[in-house]
Amino acid sequence: MEKQEYLMRMQVIEEEARQIEMQIEVIDQQTIELIQISKSLEELWRAEENPKFLANLGKGIFIEAKALEKELFVSIGKGTVVKKTPKEAIEIITTQLRRASETKLEFMSRINELQMEMQKLVEEAEKTDTKEERHKKNCECNDDCKCEDEKCECEEHQHKKNN
């Protein structure tokens, strides 16, 4: 493999690692949000009847609200909403946190694999000489040789290959 091919392969690995790191950042952010929600649900679950709280309407806008009951409406996907107790909702969040952690570990493992692959490519690339470097090793001509390949045929003088 030529050095250029090594460089292209390294760029592909670097890009894959960068994308995985971005996915890990998303998982970290989602984990923080899930933990915050879980803490809020624990407070609601332990609270007396009809606790007051700030309800997030979105975009940093909140309204003071009072829970009329302790059951929550939880989206389970595809527009379906079911009633759950705070304890059940916490169990769902705990499962989501576990899955996020497992996914993050898989991503981190892949990054380690990519780092090892990158190191191997760097080592191989350092051992690989360009045509010009191979020519200089095998040719007795001076630095202004214009040979295109290992068969040196300079106009100025006849070359002998070093073997």
Protein backbone atom coordinates (compact mmCIF):
# COMPACT_ATOMS: atom_id res chain seq x y z
CA MET A 1 0.00 0.00 0.00
CA GLU A 2 1.33 3.45 -0.90
CA LYS A 3 1.59 6.22 1.69
CA GLN A 4 -1.29 8.06 0.01
CA GLU A 5 -3.52 5.02 0.54
CA TYR A 6 -2.50 4.88 4.19
CA LEU A 7 -3.38 8.56 4.59
CA MET A 8 -6.78 8.08 2.97
CA ARG A 9 -7.53 5.08 5.21
CA MET A 10 -6.46 7.06 8.27
CA GLN A 11 -8.79 9.90 7.30
CA VAL A 12 -11.70 7.45 7.02
CA ILE A 13 -10.90 6.04 10.47
CA GLU A 14 -10.58 9.54 11.91
CA GLU A 15 -13.98 10.54 10.51
CA GLU A 16 -15.65 7.40 11.89
CA ALA A 17 -14.12 8.07 15.32
CA ARG A 18 -15.31 11.69 15.20
CA GLN A 19 -18.88 10.59 14.40
CA ILE A 20 -18.86 8.03 17.20
CA GLU A 21 -17.61 10.68 19.63
CA MET A 22 -20.53 12.91 18.61
CA GLN A 23 -22.94 10.03 19.30
CA ILE A 24 -21.34 9.52 22.71
CA GLU A 25 -21.91 13.21 23.47
CA VAL A 26 -25.60 12.80 22.58
CA ILE A 27 -25.85 9.74 24.84
CA ASP A 28 -24.18 11.70 27.67
CA GLN A 29 -26.67 14.56 27.26
CA GLN A 30 -29.63 12.17 27.18
CA THR A 31 -28.28 10.42 30.28
CA ILE A 32 -28.15 13.72 32.18
CA GLU A 33 -31.73 14.50 31.15
CA LEU A 34 -32.96 11.02 32.14
CA ILE A 35 -31.30 11.29 35.55
CA GLN A 36 -32.93 14.69 36.13
CA ILE A 37 -36.33 13.33 35.14
CA SER A 38 -35.86 10.32 37.40
CA LYS A 39 -35.03 12.58 40.38
CA SER A 40 -38.11 14.70 39.70
CA LEU A 41 -40.27 11.58 39.52
CA GLU A 42 -38.84 10.30 42.80
CA GLU A 43 -39.79 13.61 44.46
CA LEU A 44 -43.29 13.40 42.98
CA TRP A 45 -43.66 9.79 44.13
CA ARG A 46 -42.67 10.69 47.73
CA ALA A 47 -44.68 13.93 47.83
CA GLU A 48 -47.91 14.42 49.73
CA GLU A 49 -51.25 14.69 47.92
CA ASN A 50 -51.45 17.11 45.01
CA PRO A 51 -47.86 18.42 45.05
CA LYS A 52 -46.99 21.71 43.33
CA PHE A 53 -44.23 21.80 40.75
CA LEU A 54 -42.94 23.76 37.77
CA ALA A 55 -44.13 22.29 34.50
CA ASN A 56 -41.86 22.88 31.52
CA LEU A 57 -43.86 24.17 28.57
CA GLY A 58 -40.75 24.18 26.37
CA LYS A 59 -38.03 26.62 25.34
CA GLY A 60 -37.31 27.47 28.98
CA ILE A 61 -40.88 28.52 29.77
CA PHE A 62 -42.39 27.07 32.97
CA ILE A 63 -45.72 27.27 34.73
CA GLU A 64 -46.51 26.43 38.32
CA ALA A 65 -48.77 23.41 38.34
CA LYS A 66 -50.45 21.15 40.84
CA ALA A 67 -50.65 17.41 40.30
CA LEU A 68 -54.24 16.25 40.71
CA GLU A 69 -53.17 12.64 40.77
CA LYS A 70 -49.91 10.74 40.85
CA GLU A 71 -50.43 8.85 37.62
CA LEU A 72 -48.41 10.01 34.64
CA PHE A 73 -49.09 9.83 30.94
CA VAL A 74 -46.10 8.18 29.31
CA SER A 75 -45.50 7.98 25.58
CA ILE A 76 -44.53 4.48 24.51
CA GLY A 77 -44.07 5.37 20.84
CA LYS A 78 -46.10 5.75 17.67
CA GLY A 79 -48.43 8.27 19.32
CA THR A 80 -49.48 5.83 22.03
CA VAL A 81 -49.72 7.16 25.59
CA VAL A 82 -50.34 5.00 28.66
CA LYS A 83 -50.87 5.77 32.35
CA LYS A 84 -47.99 4.90 34.66
CA THR A 85 -47.18 5.54 38.29
CA PRO A 86 -44.04 7.54 39.04
CA LYS A 87 -42.43 4.28 40.22
CA GLU A 88 -43.23 2.58 36.89
CA ALA A 89 -41.93 5.60 34.97
CA ILE A 90 -38.69 5.47 37.00
CA GLU A 91 -38.34 1.78 36.05
CA ILE A 92 -38.71 2.73 32.37
CA ILE A 93 -36.07 5.44 32.77
CA THR A 94 -33.75 3.01 34.57
CA THR A 95 -34.04 0.64 31.61
CA GLN A 96 -33.31 3.50 29.20
CA LEU A 97 -30.26 4.52 31.27
CA ARG A 98 -28.97 0.93 31.22
CA ARG A 99 -29.38 0.71 27.44
CA ALA A 100 -27.67 4.09 26.96
CA SER A 101 -24.76 2.93 29.11
CA GLU A 102 -24.44 -0.31 27.13
CA THR A 103 -24.51 1.59 23.84
CA LYS A 104 -21.89 4.04 25.10
CA LEU A 105 -19.63 1.12 26.10
CA GLU A 106 -20.03 -0.37 22.60
CA PHE A 107 -19.12 2.98 21.04
CA MET A 108 -16.10 3.37 23.32
CA SER A 109 -14.98 -0.15 22.42
CA ARG A 110 -15.25 0.74 18.73
CA ILE A 111 -13.17 3.88 19.29
CA ASN A 112 -10.49 1.73 20.95
CA GLU A 113 -10.56 -0.61 17.94
CA LEU A 114 -10.19 2.37 15.62
CA GLN A 115 -7.28 3.71 17.67
CA MET A 116 -5.51 0.34 17.42
CA GLU A 117 -6.19 0.19 13.69
CA MET A 118 -4.88 3.74 13.29
CA GLN A 119 -1.70 2.88 15.22
CA LYS A 120 -1.15 -0.18 13.03
CA LEU A 121 -1.59 1.92 9.87
CA VAL A 122 0.85 4.53 11.17
CA GLU A 123 3.44 1.84 11.87
CA GLU A 124 2.92 0.27 8.43
CA ALA A 125 3.06 3.66 6.71
CA GLU A 126 6.35 4.46 8.42
CA LYS A 127 7.79 1.24 6.98
CA THR A 128 6.52 1.99 3.48
CA ASP A 129 8.76 4.03 1.27
CA THR A 130 7.56 6.10 -1.63
CA LYS A 131 8.84 5.24 -5.12
CA GLU A 132 11.28 8.12 -4.81
CA GLU A 133 12.56 6.88 -1.46
CA ARG A 134 12.98 3.34 -2.83
CA HIS A 135 14.79 4.74 -5.87
CA LYS A 136 17.24 6.72 -3.75
CA LYS A 137 18.02 3.57 -1.77
CA ASN A 138 18.63 1.51 -4.92
CA CYS A 139 20.25 4.05 -7.23
CA GLU A 140 23.71 5.57 -7.15
CA CYS A 141 22.62 8.78 -8.88
CA ASN A 142 22.54 12.16 -7.21
CA ASP A 143 19.47 13.96 -5.90
CA ASP A 144 18.57 15.55 -9.25
CA CYS A 145 17.65 12.19 -10.81
CA LYS A 146 14.36 12.33 -12.74
CA CYS A 147 13.62 8.60 -12.88
CA GLU A 148 9.94 7.62 -12.77
CA ASP A 149 10.38 4.10 -11.54
CA GLU A 150 12.93 1.77 -10.05
CA LYS A 151 14.50 1.13 -13.47
CA CYS A 152 16.78 4.14 -13.45
CA GLU A 153 17.74 5.40 -16.88
CA CYS A 154 19.17 8.86 -16.27
CA GLU A 155 20.55 10.60 -19.32
CA GLU A 156 23.63 11.86 -17.48
CA HIS A 157 25.10 8.53 -16.48
CA GLN A 158 24.46 4.86 -16.26
CA HIS A 159 23.16 3.71 -12.87
CA LYS A 160 23.85 0.57 -11.01
CA LYS A 161 21.32 -0.90 -8.69
CA ASN A 162 22.38 -1.60 -5.13
CA ASN A 163 21.16 -4.95 -4.00
